[in-house]
Amino acid sequence: MANNHSNQDSNAQMPTGKTSQAMKAQKPIAPMRQRLMMTWLVWLVFRLLGLPILISVFNPSSPDIIGGIAWQALWLLPAFVLTPSILRGRSPYALLIGSMFTLVYLGASGVVLFTRIYGSSWAEIIVYLLDFVLLLTINVWLFILLKRLPSMNNVVKQPRSR
């Protein structure tokens, strides 16, 4: 198999260490924080209010809305605790812990979606699918933001002054 190389390909140079570091530093953090914040707030409101109301509307057994909201509030306690650090989006440690919790939420949401596929209406499946997609989006934004934040390993500590 013959390879066709152009002059541009042969003359192209790999970026040096300084330019690749400059490229990493140029990636904006603020838009990712804003995307994460908006998606997080939409998910919290949807999970706390939208999910119980929509399931009550679409489920033929008409489950109690207030009971559903209370159950979701109990289920979301860890998310409420993590909300300030997610909204700030500055601390890699807090975001890493938040990422672990949202992965647990994502897994639980996926299991619920999978179990509802076999016995629920299409409208209920779409409600649970929306919850899953919102959590997946939150996890993607968290991973991208964690990648763009300064490294946790390269912290230079100043010696204590006595």
Protein backbone atom coordinates (compact mmCIF):
# COMPACT_ATOMS: atom_id res chain seq x y z
CA MET A 1 0.00 0.00 0.00
CA ALA A 2 1.52 3.30 -1.07
CA ASN A 3 1.53 6.33 1.18
CA ASN A 4 1.04 9.77 -0.35
CA HIS A 5 2.80 12.37 1.76
CA SER A 6 2.52 16.04 0.94
CA ASN A 7 5.18 18.64 1.61
CA GLN A 8 3.11 20.07 4.44
CA ASP A 9 3.07 16.73 6.26
CA SER A 10 6.82 16.26 5.99
CA ASN A 11 7.55 19.84 7.08
CA ALA A 12 5.14 19.80 10.02
CA GLN A 13 6.84 19.90 13.37
CA MET A 14 5.59 18.51 16.62
CA PRO A 15 4.83 21.17 19.20
CA THR A 16 7.49 21.75 21.76
CA GLY A 17 6.93 21.34 25.47
CA LYS A 18 6.36 25.05 26.06
CA THR A 19 3.76 25.46 23.35
CA SER A 20 1.83 22.39 24.47
CA GLN A 21 1.79 23.74 28.02
CA ALA A 22 0.60 27.09 26.71
CA MET A 23 -2.17 25.34 24.78
CA LYS A 24 -3.30 23.56 27.96
CA ALA A 25 -3.32 26.82 29.90
CA GLN A 26 -5.46 28.52 27.25
CA LYS A 27 -8.46 26.20 27.67
CA PRO A 28 -11.18 28.21 29.38
CA ILE A 29 -12.45 27.06 32.75
CA ALA A 30 -15.29 29.56 33.22
CA PRO A 31 -17.55 28.22 30.41
CA MET A 32 -17.19 24.69 31.78
CA ARG A 33 -18.07 25.89 35.29
CA GLN A 34 -21.14 27.63 33.91
CA ARG A 35 -22.24 24.57 31.91
CA LEU A 36 -21.76 22.36 34.95
CA MET A 37 -23.62 24.78 37.20
CA MET A 38 -26.60 25.07 34.84
CA THR A 39 -26.82 21.33 34.19
CA TRP A 40 -26.50 20.58 37.91
CA LEU A 41 -29.29 22.99 38.85
CA VAL A 42 -31.56 21.70 36.06
CA TRP A 43 -30.95 18.12 37.21
CA LEU A 44 -31.64 18.95 40.87
CA VAL A 45 -34.92 20.70 40.06
CA PHE A 46 -35.93 17.99 37.59
CA ARG A 47 -35.08 15.18 40.00
CA LEU A 48 -36.71 16.84 43.00
CA LEU A 49 -39.89 18.17 41.37
CA GLY A 50 -40.14 17.14 37.73
CA LEU A 51 -39.58 13.42 38.11
CA PRO A 52 -42.24 12.81 40.81
CA ILE A 53 -44.79 15.04 39.08
CA LEU A 54 -44.26 13.54 35.63
CA ILE A 55 -44.26 9.97 36.93
CA SER A 56 -47.47 10.68 38.82
CA VAL A 57 -49.04 12.03 35.62
CA PHE A 58 -47.85 9.22 33.32
CA ASN A 59 -48.10 6.21 35.67
CA PRO A 60 -51.55 4.57 35.60
CA SER A 61 -51.43 3.90 39.36
CA SER A 62 -50.99 7.68 40.01
CA PRO A 63 -48.42 7.59 42.83
CA ASP A 64 -48.51 10.35 45.45
CA ILE A 65 -46.66 13.49 44.30
CA ILE A 66 -45.79 14.71 47.82
CA GLY A 67 -44.46 11.26 48.75
CA GLY A 68 -42.39 11.22 45.56
CA ILE A 69 -40.95 14.64 46.28
CA ALA A 70 -40.12 13.60 49.86
CA TRP A 71 -38.46 10.42 48.60
CA GLN A 72 -36.43 12.35 46.02
CA ALA A 73 -35.40 14.92 48.65
CA LEU A 74 -34.12 12.09 50.85
CA TRP A 75 -32.35 10.47 47.89
CA LEU A 76 -30.77 13.83 46.95
CA LEU A 77 -29.29 14.66 50.39
CA PRO A 78 -25.69 13.93 49.26
CA ALA A 79 -26.29 16.04 46.14
CA PHE A 80 -27.56 18.94 48.27
CA VAL A 81 -24.41 18.70 50.41
CA LEU A 82 -22.21 18.73 47.28
CA THR A 83 -24.09 21.58 45.59
CA PRO A 84 -21.95 24.48 46.92
CA SER A 85 -18.69 22.89 45.77
CA ILE A 86 -20.19 21.93 42.39
CA LEU A 87 -21.52 25.46 41.86
CA ARG A 88 -18.17 27.04 42.80
CA GLY A 89 -16.23 24.55 40.67
CA ARG A 90 -12.80 25.54 41.99
CA SER A 91 -11.59 22.72 44.22
CA PRO A 92 -10.40 19.64 42.34
CA TYR A 93 -10.75 17.52 45.49
CA ALA A 94 -14.39 18.48 46.04
CA LEU A 95 -15.17 18.03 42.35
CA LEU A 96 -13.54 14.61 42.39
CA ILE A 97 -15.71 13.54 45.32
CA GLY A 98 -18.72 15.07 43.55
CA SER A 99 -17.81 13.10 40.45
CA MET A 100 -17.81 9.87 42.46
CA PHE A 101 -21.24 10.63 43.87
CA THR A 102 -22.66 11.57 40.49
CA LEU A 103 -21.31 8.33 39.06
CA VAL A 104 -23.28 6.49 41.76
CA TYR A 105 -26.37 8.53 40.85
CA LEU A 106 -25.74 7.75 37.17
CA GLY A 107 -25.48 4.04 37.87
CA ALA A 108 -28.68 4.05 39.93
CA SER A 109 -30.46 6.05 37.25
CA GLY A 110 -29.32 3.58 34.61
CA VAL A 111 -30.58 0.64 36.67
CA VAL A 112 -33.96 2.32 37.16
CA LEU A 113 -34.14 3.10 33.45
CA PHE A 114 -33.27 -0.48 32.57
CA THR A 115 -35.88 -1.95 34.92
CA ARG A 116 -38.59 0.46 33.75
CA ILE A 117 -38.10 -0.41 30.09
CA TYR A 118 -39.91 -3.72 30.52
CA GLY A 119 -43.02 -2.57 32.34
CA SER A 120 -43.64 1.13 31.87
CA SER A 121 -45.16 3.40 29.30
CA TRP A 122 -43.04 5.26 26.75
CA ALA A 123 -43.64 8.55 28.55
CA GLU A 124 -42.21 7.15 31.81
CA ILE A 125 -39.22 5.72 29.97
CA ILE A 126 -38.54 9.14 28.43
CA VAL A 127 -38.70 10.77 31.89
CA TYR A 128 -36.14 8.30 33.27
CA LEU A 129 -34.05 8.63 30.10
CA LEU A 130 -33.95 12.41 30.59
CA ASP A 131 -32.71 11.90 34.16
CA PHE A 132 -30.01 9.54 32.87
CA VAL A 133 -28.92 11.94 30.11
CA LEU A 134 -28.72 14.87 32.54
CA LEU A 135 -26.53 12.84 34.90
CA LEU A 136 -24.34 11.67 32.04
CA THR A 137 -23.92 15.29 30.92
CA ILE A 138 -23.01 16.36 34.47
CA ASN A 139 -20.35 13.65 34.62
CA VAL A 140 -18.92 14.69 31.26
CA TRP A 141 -18.74 18.35 32.34
CA LEU A 142 -17.14 17.31 35.65
CA PHE A 143 -14.46 15.26 33.91
CA ILE A 144 -13.69 18.06 31.44
CA LEU A 145 -13.56 20.65 34.23
CA LEU A 146 -11.30 18.44 36.33
CA LYS A 147 -9.01 18.07 33.33
CA ARG A 148 -8.83 21.86 32.87
CA LEU A 149 -8.28 22.79 36.52
CA PRO A 150 -4.71 23.07 37.81
CA SER A 151 -3.11 19.78 38.77
CA MET A 152 -3.46 18.60 42.34
CA ASN A 153 0.01 17.04 42.28
CA ASN A 154 2.08 20.13 41.45
CA VAL A 155 1.19 22.15 44.52
CA VAL A 156 4.22 23.88 45.99
CA LYS A 157 3.78 24.45 49.68
CA GLN A 158 5.48 27.36 51.32
CA PRO A 159 7.45 26.56 54.49
CA ARG A 160 5.87 27.81 57.67
CA SER A 161 7.35 30.95 59.09
CA ARG A 162 8.08 30.83 62.80
